[in-house]
Amino acid sequence: MPNRRKPEWEKALQGTNRKDREQPENPGNFTQLFTAPPPPAWLGQPARTAWEQVTDQLIRAERLYVPFLAQIERYCERVDIMAAARQEIASYGHFVMYPNGVRAANPALRVLSEAARECAAFEKSFGLNPLAAVAIPTAPPSLPADDEFDII
């Protein structure tokens, strides 16, 4: 498991922060979105559901920026491809018989596998899997108002 990057607030608490190593909060000056735009009209139902789930999670994590929308769209395309491949496999099975009598793996299995691999890469870039989420800096924990150890 990769080591997560310490957030700036944690470095400040430990006294290990350095001005020359500070990471900007929003390095690209991207516009943050606080409400999700509707999914593109051409997406199928599985992709529309994925769009709503991903944008909702990114909004709750305060990590939805305008340039991410194109990536989310590509992710949702892969979700649509996976749904179509699963339907193809359900219709014809894991193996198909070709006209020359050769029995081989259904080509939809490869399509499904590749789309799933690409979806996993997108999920990692968005911080939507457990390992990737650990690497993304978090906000400092909030202390209760009656904290007896509060020195500020």
N, C-alpha and C. Protein backbone atom coordinates (compact mmCIF):
# COMPACT_ATOMS: atom_id res chain seq x y z
N MET A 1 0.84 -1.17 0.00
CA MET A 1 0.00 0.00 0.00
C MET A 1 0.89 1.24 0.00
N PRO A 2 0.63 2.19 -0.91
CA PRO A 2 1.49 3.37 -0.97
C PRO A 2 1.30 4.27 0.24
N ASN A 3 2.36 4.95 0.58
CA ASN A 3 2.27 5.91 1.68
C ASN A 3 1.45 7.10 1.22
N ARG A 4 0.57 7.56 2.07
CA ARG A 4 -0.24 8.72 1.70
C ARG A 4 0.56 9.98 1.97
N ARG A 5 0.26 10.99 1.17
CA ARG A 5 0.90 12.30 1.36
C ARG A 5 0.26 12.95 2.59
N LYS A 6 1.10 13.44 3.49
CA LYS A 6 0.57 14.11 4.67
C LYS A 6 -0.03 15.44 4.26
N PRO A 7 -1.23 15.74 4.74
CA PRO A 7 -1.80 17.06 4.47
C PRO A 7 -1.00 18.15 5.18
N GLU A 8 -1.10 19.36 4.67
CA GLU A 8 -0.35 20.49 5.24
C GLU A 8 -0.69 20.72 6.71
N TRP A 9 -1.97 20.56 7.09
CA TRP A 9 -2.35 20.80 8.47
C TRP A 9 -1.68 19.81 9.41
N GLU A 10 -1.47 18.56 8.94
CA GLU A 10 -0.82 17.55 9.77
C GLU A 10 0.66 17.87 9.93
N LYS A 11 1.28 18.33 8.84
CA LYS A 11 2.69 18.73 8.92
C LYS A 11 2.86 19.90 9.89
N ALA A 12 1.91 20.85 9.86
CA ALA A 12 1.99 22.00 10.76
C ALA A 12 1.89 21.57 12.21
N LEU A 13 1.01 20.61 12.49
CA LEU A 13 0.88 20.12 13.86
C LEU A 13 2.15 19.44 14.35
N GLN A 14 2.82 18.72 13.44
CA GLN A 14 4.03 17.98 13.81
C GLN A 14 5.29 18.84 13.73
N GLY A 15 5.15 20.04 13.14
CA GLY A 15 6.30 20.93 13.01
C GLY A 15 7.23 20.54 11.88
N THR A 16 6.75 19.77 10.93
CA THR A 16 7.60 19.32 9.82
C THR A 16 7.27 20.02 8.50
N ASN A 17 6.43 21.06 8.56
CA ASN A 17 6.07 21.74 7.31
C ASN A 17 7.19 22.68 6.89
N ARG A 18 7.35 22.76 5.55
CA ARG A 18 8.35 23.66 4.98
C ARG A 18 7.68 24.44 3.86
N LYS A 19 7.95 25.74 3.81
CA LYS A 19 7.32 26.61 2.80
C LYS A 19 7.70 26.18 1.39
N ASP A 20 8.92 25.66 1.19
CA ASP A 20 9.35 25.30 -0.16
C ASP A 20 8.72 24.00 -0.66
N ARG A 21 8.03 23.27 0.20
CA ARG A 21 7.40 22.01 -0.20
C ARG A 21 5.88 22.03 -0.14
N GLU A 22 5.30 23.18 0.15
CA GLU A 22 3.84 23.26 0.26
C GLU A 22 3.19 22.96 -1.08
N GLN A 23 2.12 22.18 -1.02
CA GLN A 23 1.35 21.85 -2.22
C GLN A 23 0.15 22.79 -2.28
N PRO A 24 -0.07 23.41 -3.43
CA PRO A 24 -1.24 24.28 -3.53
C PRO A 24 -2.53 23.49 -3.43
N GLU A 25 -3.56 24.11 -2.88
CA GLU A 25 -4.86 23.45 -2.71
C GLU A 25 -5.48 23.09 -4.06
N ASN A 26 -5.40 24.01 -5.00
CA ASN A 26 -5.98 23.83 -6.33
C ASN A 26 -4.91 24.23 -7.35
N PRO A 27 -3.98 23.31 -7.68
CA PRO A 27 -2.81 23.69 -8.47
C PRO A 27 -3.13 24.24 -9.86
N GLY A 28 -4.23 23.84 -10.47
CA GLY A 28 -4.55 24.31 -11.80
C GLY A 28 -5.49 25.49 -11.83
N ASN A 29 -5.85 26.02 -10.66
CA ASN A 29 -6.86 27.08 -10.57
C ASN A 29 -8.13 26.70 -11.31
N PHE A 30 -8.56 25.47 -11.13
CA PHE A 30 -9.77 24.98 -11.77
C PHE A 30 -11.00 25.51 -11.05
N THR A 31 -12.07 25.68 -11.80
CA THR A 31 -13.32 26.12 -11.21
C THR A 31 -14.00 24.93 -10.53
N GLN A 32 -14.28 25.08 -9.24
CA GLN A 32 -14.93 24.01 -8.50
C GLN A 32 -16.43 24.08 -8.71
N LEU A 33 -17.05 22.91 -8.83
CA LEU A 33 -18.49 22.83 -8.99
C LEU A 33 -19.11 22.36 -7.67
N PHE A 34 -20.23 22.96 -7.31
CA PHE A 34 -20.91 22.58 -6.08
C PHE A 34 -22.23 21.87 -6.35
N THR A 35 -22.65 21.86 -7.61
CA THR A 35 -23.79 21.07 -8.04
C THR A 35 -23.38 20.37 -9.33
N ALA A 36 -23.87 19.18 -9.50
CA ALA A 36 -23.49 18.39 -10.68
C ALA A 36 -24.34 18.77 -11.88
N PRO A 37 -23.72 18.94 -13.03
CA PRO A 37 -24.52 19.17 -14.23
C PRO A 37 -25.22 17.86 -14.61
N PRO A 38 -26.27 17.93 -15.39
CA PRO A 38 -26.94 16.69 -15.79
C PRO A 38 -26.03 15.87 -16.70
N PRO A 39 -26.22 14.56 -16.72
CA PRO A 39 -25.38 13.73 -17.59
C PRO A 39 -25.68 14.03 -19.06
N PRO A 40 -24.71 13.82 -19.93
CA PRO A 40 -24.96 14.02 -21.36
C PRO A 40 -26.13 13.16 -21.83
N ALA A 41 -26.93 13.70 -22.75
CA ALA A 41 -28.16 13.03 -23.18
C ALA A 41 -27.89 11.71 -23.90
N TRP A 42 -26.76 11.58 -24.53
CA TRP A 42 -26.49 10.38 -25.33
C TRP A 42 -26.04 9.18 -24.48
N LEU A 43 -25.76 9.38 -23.21
CA LEU A 43 -25.34 8.26 -22.35
C LEU A 43 -26.51 7.32 -22.10
N GLY A 44 -26.21 6.03 -22.03
CA GLY A 44 -27.22 5.04 -21.69
C GLY A 44 -27.54 5.08 -20.20
N GLN A 45 -28.52 4.30 -19.79
CA GLN A 45 -28.97 4.33 -18.39
C GLN A 45 -27.88 3.92 -17.40
N PRO A 46 -27.12 2.84 -17.65
CA PRO A 46 -26.06 2.51 -16.69
C PRO A 46 -25.04 3.64 -16.54
N ALA A 47 -24.71 4.30 -17.65
CA ALA A 47 -23.74 5.39 -17.61
C ALA A 47 -24.32 6.61 -16.90
N ARG A 48 -25.62 6.86 -17.08
CA ARG A 48 -26.25 8.00 -16.38
C ARG A 48 -26.22 7.77 -14.87
N THR A 49 -26.48 6.54 -14.46
CA THR A 49 -26.43 6.21 -13.03
C THR A 49 -25.01 6.41 -12.50
N ALA A 50 -24.02 5.95 -13.27
CA ALA A 50 -22.62 6.12 -12.86
C ALA A 50 -22.27 7.61 -12.76
N TRP A 51 -22.75 8.41 -13.72
CA TRP A 51 -22.49 9.86 -13.71
C TRP A 51 -23.00 10.47 -12.41
N GLU A 52 -24.23 10.12 -12.05
CA GLU A 52 -24.82 10.69 -10.84
C GLU A 52 -24.07 10.25 -9.59
N GLN A 53 -23.66 8.98 -9.54
CA GLN A 53 -22.93 8.48 -8.37
C GLN A 53 -21.57 9.15 -8.23
N VAL A 54 -20.82 9.22 -9.34
CA VAL A 54 -19.47 9.78 -9.29
C VAL A 54 -19.51 11.27 -8.96
N THR A 55 -20.37 12.01 -9.65
CA THR A 55 -20.42 13.45 -9.39
C THR A 55 -20.90 13.73 -7.97
N ASP A 56 -21.83 12.92 -7.46
CA ASP A 56 -22.30 13.09 -6.09
C ASP A 56 -21.17 12.87 -5.09
N GLN A 57 -20.39 11.82 -5.30
CA GLN A 57 -19.27 11.54 -4.39
C GLN A 57 -18.20 12.63 -4.45
N LEU A 58 -17.91 13.11 -5.66
CA LEU A 58 -16.91 14.16 -5.78
C LEU A 58 -17.38 15.48 -5.19
N ILE A 59 -18.67 15.76 -5.30
CA ILE A 59 -19.20 16.99 -4.69
C ILE A 59 -19.12 16.88 -3.17
N ARG A 60 -19.48 15.73 -2.62
CA ARG A 60 -19.42 15.56 -1.17
C ARG A 60 -17.98 15.68 -0.66
N ALA A 61 -17.02 15.24 -1.48
CA ALA A 61 -15.61 15.33 -1.10
C ALA A 61 -15.00 16.68 -1.47
N GLU A 62 -15.81 17.57 -2.07
CA GLU A 62 -15.37 18.88 -2.52
C GLU A 62 -14.21 18.78 -3.50
N ARG A 63 -14.34 17.84 -4.45
CA ARG A 63 -13.28 17.62 -5.44
C ARG A 63 -13.83 17.56 -6.87
N LEU A 64 -14.95 18.19 -7.13
CA LEU A 64 -15.49 18.20 -8.49
C LEU A 64 -15.12 19.53 -9.15
N TYR A 65 -14.30 19.45 -10.18
CA TYR A 65 -13.85 20.62 -10.92
C TYR A 65 -14.27 20.49 -12.38
N VAL A 66 -14.40 21.60 -13.07
CA VAL A 66 -14.88 21.62 -14.46
C VAL A 66 -14.08 20.67 -15.36
N PRO A 67 -12.74 20.65 -15.34
CA PRO A 67 -12.02 19.75 -16.25
C PRO A 67 -12.29 18.27 -15.99
N PHE A 68 -12.78 17.93 -14.81
CA PHE A 68 -13.07 16.53 -14.51
C PHE A 68 -14.26 16.01 -15.30
N LEU A 69 -15.13 16.90 -15.76
CA LEU A 69 -16.35 16.46 -16.42
C LEU A 69 -16.07 15.63 -17.68
N ALA A 70 -15.04 16.00 -18.43
CA ALA A 70 -14.69 15.22 -19.62
C ALA A 70 -14.20 13.83 -19.22
N GLN A 71 -13.43 13.75 -18.15
CA GLN A 71 -12.96 12.44 -17.67
C GLN A 71 -14.14 11.61 -17.16
N ILE A 72 -15.04 12.23 -16.47
CA ILE A 72 -16.21 11.51 -15.96
C ILE A 72 -17.04 10.99 -17.12
N GLU A 73 -17.14 11.78 -18.17
CA GLU A 73 -17.87 11.35 -19.36
C GLU A 73 -17.22 10.11 -19.98
N ARG A 74 -15.89 10.13 -20.09
CA ARG A 74 -15.18 8.95 -20.64
C ARG A 74 -15.35 7.74 -19.72
N TYR A 75 -15.32 7.98 -18.41
CA TYR A 75 -15.56 6.88 -17.46
C TYR A 75 -16.94 6.28 -17.69
N CYS A 76 -17.93 7.14 -17.84
CA CYS A 76 -19.30 6.67 -18.04
C CYS A 76 -19.47 5.93 -19.36
N GLU A 77 -18.72 6.34 -20.38
CA GLU A 77 -18.72 5.59 -21.64
C GLU A 77 -18.27 4.16 -21.41
N ARG A 78 -17.23 4.01 -20.60
CA ARG A 78 -16.72 2.66 -20.30
C ARG A 78 -17.76 1.86 -19.52
N VAL A 79 -18.49 2.51 -18.65
CA VAL A 79 -19.55 1.82 -17.91
C VAL A 79 -20.61 1.32 -18.89
N ASP A 80 -20.96 2.14 -19.88
CA ASP A 80 -21.91 1.71 -20.91
C ASP A 80 -21.37 0.52 -21.70
N ILE A 81 -20.09 0.57 -22.05
CA ILE A 81 -19.47 -0.54 -22.79
C ILE A 81 -19.50 -1.81 -21.95
N MET A 82 -19.22 -1.69 -20.66
CA MET A 82 -19.27 -2.86 -19.78
C MET A 82 -20.67 -3.44 -19.72
N ALA A 83 -21.68 -2.59 -19.65
CA ALA A 83 -23.07 -3.06 -19.60
C ALA A 83 -23.43 -3.80 -20.89
N ALA A 84 -23.01 -3.26 -22.04
CA ALA A 84 -23.29 -3.91 -23.32
C ALA A 84 -22.56 -5.24 -23.42
N ALA A 85 -21.33 -5.29 -22.95
CA ALA A 85 -20.57 -6.54 -22.99
C ALA A 85 -21.21 -7.59 -22.08
N ARG A 86 -21.66 -7.19 -20.91
CA ARG A 86 -22.33 -8.14 -20.01
C ARG A 86 -23.61 -8.69 -20.64
N GLN A 87 -24.33 -7.82 -21.35
CA GLN A 87 -25.56 -8.26 -22.02
C GLN A 87 -25.22 -9.25 -23.13
N GLU A 88 -24.16 -8.99 -23.85
CA GLU A 88 -23.71 -9.88 -24.92
C GLU A 88 -23.30 -11.24 -24.35
N ILE A 89 -22.60 -11.22 -23.24
CA ILE A 89 -22.17 -12.48 -22.61
C ILE A 89 -23.38 -13.24 -22.08
N ALA A 90 -24.35 -12.52 -21.52
CA ALA A 90 -25.57 -13.18 -21.04
C ALA A 90 -26.34 -13.82 -22.20
N SER A 91 -26.32 -13.18 -23.36
CA SER A 91 -27.07 -13.70 -24.51
C SER A 91 -26.39 -14.90 -25.15
N TYR A 92 -25.06 -14.85 -25.30
CA TYR A 92 -24.34 -15.88 -26.06
C TYR A 92 -23.45 -16.78 -25.22
N GLY A 93 -23.27 -16.46 -23.95
CA GLY A 93 -22.44 -17.29 -23.08
C GLY A 93 -20.99 -16.87 -23.13
N HIS A 94 -20.20 -17.54 -22.28
CA HIS A 94 -18.77 -17.22 -22.19
C HIS A 94 -18.00 -17.76 -23.39
N PHE A 95 -18.53 -18.77 -24.04
CA PHE A 95 -17.88 -19.35 -25.21
C PHE A 95 -18.85 -19.31 -26.37
N VAL A 96 -18.30 -19.11 -27.57
CA VAL A 96 -19.13 -19.08 -28.78
C VAL A 96 -18.58 -20.10 -29.77
N MET A 97 -19.46 -20.58 -30.62
CA MET A 97 -19.07 -21.54 -31.66
C MET A 97 -19.04 -20.79 -32.99
N TYR A 98 -17.90 -20.79 -33.63
CA TYR A 98 -17.75 -20.12 -34.91
C TYR A 98 -18.24 -21.05 -36.03
N PRO A 99 -18.58 -20.50 -37.20
CA PRO A 99 -19.10 -21.33 -38.30
C PRO A 99 -18.17 -22.47 -38.72
N ASN A 100 -16.87 -22.32 -38.52
CA ASN A 100 -15.94 -23.38 -38.89
C ASN A 100 -15.83 -24.48 -37.83
N GLY A 101 -16.67 -24.37 -36.78
CA GLY A 101 -16.71 -25.40 -35.75
C GLY A 101 -15.77 -25.18 -34.58
N VAL A 102 -15.08 -24.09 -34.56
CA VAL A 102 -14.13 -23.80 -33.48
C VAL A 102 -14.88 -23.13 -32.33
N ARG A 103 -14.66 -23.65 -31.14
CA ARG A 103 -15.25 -23.06 -29.93
C ARG A 103 -14.20 -22.17 -29.29
N ALA A 104 -14.57 -20.92 -29.03
CA ALA A 104 -13.61 -19.96 -28.48
C ALA A 104 -14.30 -19.06 -27.47
N ALA A 105 -13.47 -18.35 -26.73
CA ALA A 105 -14.01 -17.40 -25.74
C ALA A 105 -14.77 -16.30 -26.46
N ASN A 106 -15.86 -15.89 -25.87
CA ASN A 106 -16.67 -14.81 -26.42
C ASN A 106 -15.83 -13.54 -26.47
N PRO A 107 -15.73 -12.86 -27.62
CA PRO A 107 -14.94 -11.62 -27.71
C PRO A 107 -15.43 -10.53 -26.74
N ALA A 108 -16.67 -10.62 -26.32
CA ALA A 108 -17.20 -9.63 -25.37
C ALA A 108 -16.48 -9.72 -24.02
N LEU A 109 -15.90 -10.88 -23.71
CA LEU A 109 -15.15 -11.01 -22.46
C LEU A 109 -13.94 -10.08 -22.45
N ARG A 110 -13.27 -10.00 -23.59
CA ARG A 110 -12.11 -9.11 -23.69
C ARG A 110 -12.55 -7.64 -23.60
N VAL A 111 -13.64 -7.32 -24.26
CA VAL A 111 -14.17 -5.96 -24.20
C VAL A 111 -14.52 -5.60 -22.76
N LEU A 112 -15.18 -6.51 -22.07
CA LEU A 112 -15.56 -6.29 -20.67
C LEU A 112 -14.32 -6.10 -19.80
N SER A 113 -13.32 -6.94 -20.00
CA SER A 113 -12.10 -6.87 -19.20
C SER A 113 -11.37 -5.55 -19.42
N GLU A 114 -11.26 -5.13 -20.66
CA GLU A 114 -10.57 -3.89 -20.96
C GLU A 114 -11.33 -2.68 -20.42
N ALA A 115 -12.64 -2.67 -20.56
CA ALA A 115 -13.44 -1.56 -20.04
C ALA A 115 -13.35 -1.51 -18.51
N ALA A 116 -13.35 -2.67 -17.86
CA ALA A 116 -13.24 -2.71 -16.40
C ALA A 116 -11.88 -2.18 -15.95
N ARG A 117 -10.83 -2.52 -16.69
CA ARG A 117 -9.49 -2.03 -16.35
C ARG A 117 -9.44 -0.50 -16.49
N GLU A 118 -10.03 0.02 -17.57
CA GLU A 118 -10.04 1.46 -17.77
C GLU A 118 -10.88 2.16 -16.70
N CYS A 119 -11.99 1.55 -16.31
CA CYS A 119 -12.82 2.13 -15.24
C CYS A 119 -12.04 2.19 -13.93
N ALA A 120 -11.29 1.15 -13.65
CA ALA A 120 -10.49 1.13 -12.42
C ALA A 120 -9.46 2.26 -12.43
N ALA A 121 -8.86 2.53 -13.59
CA ALA A 121 -7.88 3.62 -13.68
C ALA A 121 -8.57 4.97 -13.47
N PHE A 122 -9.76 5.15 -14.04
CA PHE A 122 -10.50 6.40 -13.82
C PHE A 122 -10.86 6.55 -12.35
N GLU A 123 -11.35 5.46 -11.73
CA GLU A 123 -11.72 5.52 -10.31
C GLU A 123 -10.52 5.90 -9.46
N LYS A 124 -9.35 5.38 -9.81
CA LYS A 124 -8.14 5.72 -9.05
C LYS A 124 -7.83 7.20 -9.20
N SER A 125 -7.96 7.73 -10.42
CA SER A 125 -7.64 9.14 -10.62
C SER A 125 -8.62 10.06 -9.90
N PHE A 126 -9.84 9.61 -9.69
CA PHE A 126 -10.83 10.41 -8.96
C PHE A 126 -10.76 10.19 -7.45
N GLY A 127 -9.96 9.21 -7.01
CA GLY A 127 -9.89 8.89 -5.59
C GLY A 127 -11.11 8.14 -5.11
N LEU A 128 -11.70 7.32 -5.99
CA LEU A 128 -12.93 6.62 -5.65
C LEU A 128 -12.73 5.17 -5.23
N ASN A 129 -11.49 4.75 -5.07
CA ASN A 129 -11.27 3.42 -4.50
C ASN A 129 -10.49 3.59 -3.19
N PRO A 130 -10.51 2.61 -2.34
CA PRO A 130 -9.92 2.79 -1.00
C PRO A 130 -8.45 3.20 -1.00
N LEU A 131 -7.63 2.61 -1.86
CA LEU A 131 -6.21 2.95 -1.87
C LEU A 131 -5.97 4.37 -2.38
N ALA A 132 -6.70 4.76 -3.41
CA ALA A 132 -6.52 6.10 -3.96
C ALA A 132 -7.05 7.16 -3.01
N ALA A 133 -8.11 6.84 -2.29
CA ALA A 133 -8.69 7.81 -1.36
C ALA A 133 -7.72 8.14 -0.23
N VAL A 134 -6.90 7.19 0.16
CA VAL A 134 -5.93 7.41 1.23
C VAL A 134 -4.87 8.41 0.79
N ALA A 135 -4.53 8.42 -0.50
CA ALA A 135 -3.47 9.29 -1.01
C ALA A 135 -3.92 10.73 -1.18
N ILE A 136 -5.21 10.99 -1.17
CA ILE A 136 -5.72 12.35 -1.37
C ILE A 136 -5.77 13.06 -0.03
N PRO A 137 -5.20 14.26 0.05
CA PRO A 137 -5.20 15.00 1.32
C PRO A 137 -6.61 15.24 1.83
N THR A 138 -6.72 15.24 3.13
CA THR A 138 -8.03 15.44 3.76
C THR A 138 -8.04 16.76 4.53
N ALA A 139 -9.21 17.19 4.91
CA ALA A 139 -9.35 18.39 5.73
C ALA A 139 -8.97 18.07 7.16
N PRO A 140 -8.53 19.04 7.92
CA PRO A 140 -8.17 18.76 9.31
C PRO A 140 -9.39 18.33 10.10
N PRO A 141 -9.18 17.46 11.07
CA PRO A 141 -10.32 17.02 11.87
C PRO A 141 -10.87 18.18 12.69
N SER A 142 -12.17 18.21 12.84
CA SER A 142 -12.77 19.27 13.66
C SER A 142 -12.83 18.80 15.11
N LEU A 143 -12.45 19.68 16.00
CA LEU A 143 -12.46 19.36 17.42
C LEU A 143 -13.76 19.84 18.05
N PRO A 144 -14.26 19.11 19.02
CA PRO A 144 -15.46 19.58 19.70
C PRO A 144 -15.16 20.88 20.46
N ALA A 145 -16.18 21.70 20.64
CA ALA A 145 -16.03 23.00 21.28
C ALA A 145 -15.55 22.89 22.72
N ASP A 146 -15.90 21.81 23.39
CA ASP A 146 -15.53 21.67 24.80
C ASP A 146 -14.26 20.82 24.97
N ASP A 147 -13.39 20.82 23.99
CA ASP A 147 -12.16 20.03 24.06
C ASP A 147 -11.26 20.63 25.13
N GLU A 148 -10.95 19.87 26.18
CA GLU A 148 -10.16 20.39 27.27
C GLU A 148 -8.70 20.56 26.90
N PHE A 149 -8.26 19.96 25.78
CA PHE A 149 -6.88 20.09 25.36
C PHE A 149 -6.70 21.15 24.28
N ASP A 150 -7.73 21.89 24.02
CA ASP A 150 -7.68 22.92 23.00
C ASP A 150 -6.79 24.06 23.50
N ILE A 151 -5.69 24.32 22.79
CA ILE A 151 -4.76 25.34 23.26
C ILE A 151 -4.86 26.62 22.44
N ILE A 152 -5.72 26.65 21.47
CA ILE A 152 -5.84 27.85 20.62
C ILE A 152 -6.93 28.74 21.13
